[in-house]
N, C-alpha and C. Protein backbone atom coordinates (compact mmCIF):
# COMPACT_ATOMS: atom_id res chain seq x y z
N MET A 1 111.88 98.48 89.71
CA MET A 1 110.62 98.85 90.32
C MET A 1 110.86 99.20 91.79
N GLU A 2 110.29 100.30 92.22
CA GLU A 2 110.34 100.67 93.62
C GLU A 2 109.05 100.19 94.29
N ALA A 3 109.19 99.21 95.18
CA ALA A 3 108.03 98.64 95.85
C ALA A 3 107.66 99.47 97.08
N LEU A 4 106.36 99.50 97.38
CA LEU A 4 105.83 100.22 98.54
C LEU A 4 104.86 99.33 99.29
N VAL A 5 104.76 99.59 100.59
CA VAL A 5 103.63 99.12 101.38
C VAL A 5 102.84 100.37 101.73
N VAL A 6 101.56 100.36 101.41
CA VAL A 6 100.70 101.49 101.74
C VAL A 6 99.80 101.05 102.89
N LEU A 7 99.78 101.85 103.93
CA LEU A 7 98.93 101.59 105.10
C LEU A 7 97.64 102.37 104.95
N SER A 8 96.54 101.71 105.27
CA SER A 8 95.26 102.38 105.33
C SER A 8 94.41 101.65 106.36
N THR A 9 93.35 102.28 106.78
CA THR A 9 92.40 101.65 107.70
C THR A 9 91.00 101.82 107.12
N ALA A 10 90.10 100.99 107.59
CA ALA A 10 88.69 101.06 107.18
C ALA A 10 87.84 100.85 108.44
N PRO A 11 86.58 101.26 108.40
CA PRO A 11 85.74 101.17 109.60
C PRO A 11 85.35 99.76 110.00
N ASN A 12 85.47 98.79 109.05
CA ASN A 12 85.09 97.41 109.36
C ASN A 12 85.66 96.48 108.29
N LEU A 13 85.55 95.18 108.53
CA LEU A 13 86.08 94.20 107.59
C LEU A 13 85.38 94.24 106.23
N LYS A 14 84.09 94.48 106.22
CA LYS A 14 83.35 94.52 104.96
C LYS A 14 83.92 95.61 104.05
N ALA A 15 84.10 96.81 104.58
CA ALA A 15 84.66 97.91 103.79
C ALA A 15 86.09 97.62 103.37
N ALA A 16 86.88 97.06 104.29
CA ALA A 16 88.28 96.75 103.98
C ALA A 16 88.39 95.71 102.87
N LYS A 17 87.55 94.68 102.93
CA LYS A 17 87.58 93.65 101.89
C LYS A 17 87.15 94.21 100.54
N SER A 18 86.18 95.09 100.52
CA SER A 18 85.73 95.71 99.28
C SER A 18 86.84 96.56 98.66
N ILE A 19 87.50 97.34 99.48
CA ILE A 19 88.62 98.17 99.02
C ILE A 19 89.74 97.28 98.49
N ALA A 20 90.09 96.24 99.24
CA ALA A 20 91.16 95.33 98.84
C ALA A 20 90.87 94.71 97.48
N ARG A 21 89.67 94.21 97.31
CA ARG A 21 89.29 93.56 96.05
C ARG A 21 89.40 94.53 94.88
N ARG A 22 88.93 95.75 95.07
CA ARG A 22 89.00 96.75 93.99
C ARG A 22 90.44 97.07 93.62
N LEU A 23 91.30 97.26 94.61
CA LEU A 23 92.70 97.60 94.33
C LEU A 23 93.42 96.48 93.58
N VAL A 24 93.16 95.24 93.96
CA VAL A 24 93.81 94.10 93.30
C VAL A 24 93.20 93.89 91.91
N THR A 25 91.89 93.98 91.79
CA THR A 25 91.23 93.81 90.50
C THR A 25 91.72 94.83 89.47
N GLU A 26 91.92 96.06 89.92
CA GLU A 26 92.38 97.12 89.02
C GLU A 26 93.90 97.13 88.85
N LYS A 27 94.59 96.16 89.43
CA LYS A 27 96.06 96.02 89.37
C LYS A 27 96.78 97.25 89.93
N LEU A 28 96.15 97.89 90.90
CA LEU A 28 96.80 98.98 91.63
C LEU A 28 97.59 98.43 92.80
N ALA A 29 97.26 97.21 93.21
CA ALA A 29 97.98 96.50 94.27
C ALA A 29 98.16 95.06 93.85
N ALA A 30 99.30 94.48 94.22
CA ALA A 30 99.53 93.06 93.95
C ALA A 30 98.85 92.21 95.01
N CYS A 31 98.79 92.75 96.23
CA CYS A 31 98.22 92.02 97.36
C CYS A 31 97.79 93.03 98.41
N VAL A 32 96.69 92.74 99.07
CA VAL A 32 96.25 93.55 100.21
C VAL A 32 95.95 92.59 101.36
N SER A 33 96.68 92.73 102.43
CA SER A 33 96.42 91.95 103.64
C SER A 33 95.49 92.76 104.52
N VAL A 34 94.44 92.12 105.03
CA VAL A 34 93.44 92.80 105.85
C VAL A 34 93.40 92.14 107.22
N LYS A 35 93.42 92.95 108.25
CA LYS A 35 93.36 92.44 109.63
C LYS A 35 92.34 93.25 110.40
N GLY A 36 91.34 92.58 110.94
CA GLY A 36 90.35 93.24 111.78
C GLY A 36 90.78 93.24 113.23
N GLY A 37 89.96 93.80 114.07
CA GLY A 37 90.23 93.77 115.50
C GLY A 37 91.16 94.87 116.00
N PHE A 38 91.40 95.88 115.19
CA PHE A 38 92.24 97.01 115.62
C PHE A 38 91.34 98.11 116.14
N TRP A 39 91.91 99.00 116.89
CA TRP A 39 91.19 100.22 117.23
C TRP A 39 92.19 101.36 117.15
N SER A 40 91.68 102.53 116.84
CA SER A 40 92.51 103.72 116.70
C SER A 40 92.00 104.81 117.63
N CYS A 41 92.95 105.55 118.16
CA CYS A 41 92.66 106.73 118.98
C CYS A 41 93.22 107.91 118.19
N TYR A 42 92.41 108.93 117.95
CA TYR A 42 92.82 110.02 117.08
C TYR A 42 92.05 111.30 117.42
N ARG A 43 92.56 112.41 116.95
CA ARG A 43 91.86 113.68 117.13
C ARG A 43 91.09 113.97 115.85
N TRP A 44 89.79 114.25 115.99
CA TRP A 44 88.94 114.55 114.84
C TRP A 44 87.98 115.67 115.20
N LYS A 45 88.06 116.75 114.45
CA LYS A 45 87.18 117.91 114.64
C LYS A 45 87.18 118.39 116.09
N GLY A 46 88.39 118.48 116.65
CA GLY A 46 88.57 119.03 117.99
C GLY A 46 88.33 118.07 119.14
N LYS A 47 87.99 116.83 118.87
CA LYS A 47 87.73 115.86 119.93
C LYS A 47 88.65 114.66 119.78
N VAL A 48 88.94 114.03 120.91
CA VAL A 48 89.68 112.77 120.88
C VAL A 48 88.65 111.66 120.70
N GLU A 49 88.85 110.87 119.66
CA GLU A 49 87.92 109.80 119.30
C GLU A 49 88.62 108.45 119.40
N LYS A 50 87.83 107.39 119.50
CA LYS A 50 88.34 106.02 119.49
C LYS A 50 87.37 105.20 118.65
N SER A 51 87.92 104.42 117.70
CA SER A 51 87.06 103.63 116.81
C SER A 51 87.68 102.27 116.53
N ALA A 52 86.83 101.28 116.38
CA ALA A 52 87.26 99.97 115.89
C ALA A 52 87.56 100.13 114.40
N GLU A 53 88.61 99.45 113.93
CA GLU A 53 88.98 99.56 112.52
C GLU A 53 89.57 98.25 112.03
N ALA A 54 89.68 98.16 110.71
CA ALA A 54 90.41 97.08 110.05
C ALA A 54 91.63 97.73 109.40
N LEU A 55 92.75 97.03 109.44
CA LEU A 55 94.00 97.53 108.87
C LEU A 55 94.23 96.91 107.50
N LEU A 56 94.61 97.71 106.53
CA LEU A 56 94.97 97.23 105.20
C LEU A 56 96.46 97.46 104.98
N LEU A 57 97.17 96.39 104.62
CA LEU A 57 98.58 96.48 104.22
C LEU A 57 98.59 96.23 102.72
N ILE A 58 98.80 97.29 101.97
CA ILE A 58 98.66 97.26 100.52
C ILE A 58 100.05 97.20 99.89
N LYS A 59 100.33 96.13 99.14
CA LYS A 59 101.62 96.00 98.49
C LYS A 59 101.50 96.45 97.04
N THR A 60 102.32 97.45 96.67
CA THR A 60 102.23 98.07 95.36
C THR A 60 103.59 98.62 94.94
N SER A 61 103.58 99.51 93.96
CA SER A 61 104.82 100.14 93.49
C SER A 61 104.66 101.66 93.55
N ARG A 62 105.79 102.33 93.55
CA ARG A 62 105.76 103.79 93.55
C ARG A 62 105.04 104.31 92.30
N ARG A 63 105.22 103.65 91.16
CA ARG A 63 104.58 104.13 89.92
C ARG A 63 103.05 104.05 90.01
N ASN A 64 102.53 103.18 90.87
CA ASN A 64 101.07 103.03 91.02
C ASN A 64 100.50 103.91 92.14
N PHE A 65 101.36 104.54 92.93
CA PHE A 65 100.88 105.22 94.13
C PHE A 65 99.83 106.29 93.82
N SER A 66 100.06 107.12 92.84
CA SER A 66 99.14 108.21 92.55
C SER A 66 97.74 107.68 92.19
N LYS A 67 97.68 106.67 91.31
CA LYS A 67 96.39 106.09 90.93
C LYS A 67 95.74 105.37 92.11
N LEU A 68 96.55 104.66 92.90
CA LEU A 68 96.04 103.96 94.08
C LEU A 68 95.45 104.97 95.07
N LYS A 69 96.16 106.07 95.30
CA LYS A 69 95.69 107.12 96.20
C LYS A 69 94.35 107.69 95.72
N SER A 70 94.26 107.98 94.43
CA SER A 70 93.00 108.51 93.87
C SER A 70 91.86 107.51 94.03
N CYS A 71 92.15 106.23 93.79
CA CYS A 71 91.13 105.19 93.94
C CYS A 71 90.67 105.10 95.39
N LEU A 72 91.62 105.09 96.32
CA LEU A 72 91.26 105.03 97.75
C LEU A 72 90.41 106.23 98.15
N GLU A 73 90.81 107.41 97.71
CA GLU A 73 90.07 108.62 98.08
C GLU A 73 88.64 108.57 97.53
N SER A 74 88.44 107.97 96.35
CA SER A 74 87.11 107.96 95.76
C SER A 74 86.21 106.84 96.32
N CYS A 75 86.80 105.71 96.72
CA CYS A 75 85.96 104.58 97.15
C CYS A 75 85.91 104.40 98.66
N HIS A 76 86.70 105.17 99.40
CA HIS A 76 86.81 104.98 100.85
C HIS A 76 85.66 105.67 101.57
N PRO A 77 85.11 105.04 102.61
CA PRO A 77 84.00 105.67 103.33
C PRO A 77 84.41 106.82 104.24
N TYR A 78 85.71 106.94 104.57
CA TYR A 78 86.14 108.03 105.45
C TYR A 78 86.28 109.34 104.68
N GLU A 79 85.99 110.43 105.35
CA GLU A 79 86.19 111.76 104.77
C GLU A 79 87.67 112.00 104.48
N VAL A 80 88.54 111.55 105.39
CA VAL A 80 89.99 111.68 105.24
C VAL A 80 90.61 110.31 105.50
N PRO A 81 90.75 109.47 104.47
CA PRO A 81 91.32 108.14 104.70
C PRO A 81 92.82 108.20 104.95
N GLU A 82 93.29 107.29 105.76
CA GLU A 82 94.72 107.14 105.97
C GLU A 82 95.31 106.52 104.71
N ILE A 83 96.32 107.19 104.14
CA ILE A 83 97.03 106.69 102.96
C ILE A 83 98.50 107.05 103.16
N ILE A 84 99.28 106.07 103.63
CA ILE A 84 100.69 106.30 103.94
C ILE A 84 101.53 105.29 103.18
N GLY A 85 102.41 105.78 102.31
CA GLY A 85 103.30 104.90 101.53
C GLY A 85 104.65 104.76 102.20
N ILE A 86 105.09 103.53 102.38
CA ILE A 86 106.38 103.24 103.01
C ILE A 86 107.22 102.43 102.01
N PRO A 87 108.39 102.94 101.64
CA PRO A 87 109.23 102.20 100.69
C PRO A 87 109.68 100.86 101.27
N ILE A 88 109.70 99.85 100.42
CA ILE A 88 110.28 98.55 100.79
C ILE A 88 111.75 98.64 100.43
N VAL A 89 112.59 98.70 101.43
CA VAL A 89 114.03 98.89 101.22
C VAL A 89 114.70 97.57 100.84
N GLU A 90 114.29 96.50 101.44
CA GLU A 90 114.82 95.16 101.16
C GLU A 90 113.66 94.19 101.09
N GLY A 91 113.86 93.11 100.36
CA GLY A 91 112.82 92.09 100.28
C GLY A 91 113.33 90.89 99.51
N SER A 92 112.60 89.82 99.59
CA SER A 92 112.92 88.62 98.84
C SER A 92 112.85 88.94 97.35
N PRO A 93 113.91 88.69 96.59
CA PRO A 93 113.86 88.96 95.15
C PRO A 93 112.71 88.22 94.46
N THR A 94 112.42 87.01 94.90
CA THR A 94 111.34 86.23 94.30
C THR A 94 109.99 86.92 94.56
N TYR A 95 109.76 87.37 95.79
CA TYR A 95 108.52 88.05 96.13
C TYR A 95 108.39 89.37 95.37
N LEU A 96 109.47 90.15 95.34
CA LEU A 96 109.42 91.44 94.66
C LEU A 96 109.21 91.28 93.15
N SER A 97 109.74 90.22 92.58
CA SER A 97 109.52 89.93 91.17
C SER A 97 108.05 89.58 90.93
N TRP A 98 107.47 88.75 91.81
CA TRP A 98 106.05 88.42 91.71
C TRP A 98 105.20 89.68 91.85
N LEU A 99 105.54 90.55 92.81
CA LEU A 99 104.81 91.80 93.03
C LEU A 99 104.80 92.61 91.74
N ASN A 100 105.96 92.76 91.13
CA ASN A 100 106.08 93.54 89.90
C ASN A 100 105.23 92.94 88.77
N ARG A 101 105.31 91.62 88.58
CA ARG A 101 104.53 90.94 87.54
C ARG A 101 103.02 91.09 87.78
N SER A 102 102.63 91.08 89.04
CA SER A 102 101.21 91.17 89.39
C SER A 102 100.60 92.53 89.09
N LEU A 103 101.44 93.53 88.95
CA LEU A 103 100.96 94.90 88.69
C LEU A 103 100.96 95.24 87.20
N GLU A 104 101.50 94.35 86.37
CA GLU A 104 101.57 94.61 84.94
C GLU A 104 100.17 94.58 84.33
N LYS A 105 99.93 95.53 83.46
CA LYS A 105 98.60 95.61 82.82
C LYS A 105 98.67 95.10 81.42
């Protein structure tokens, strides 16, 4: 199994928690860590914007990425949600085994 961490943001903790619960319930993610208190500076529609956000660290597999991406795009409140997959190159074998088992349907 090729493990991934997918980064995403949400406008607030309520939205982030809802997204996290859906991804784990549907077994698209083994775990989603949510952290509030972030802010992002970005260019949107020709302007530089700044917004408070919550960060989601989504632990999943490459085989789930396409379905996870579709789910995020459909349930996310942003017009263009951040969805960035980063391969896990090394990790605890015990943790990675748990991650894999958690994604089994």
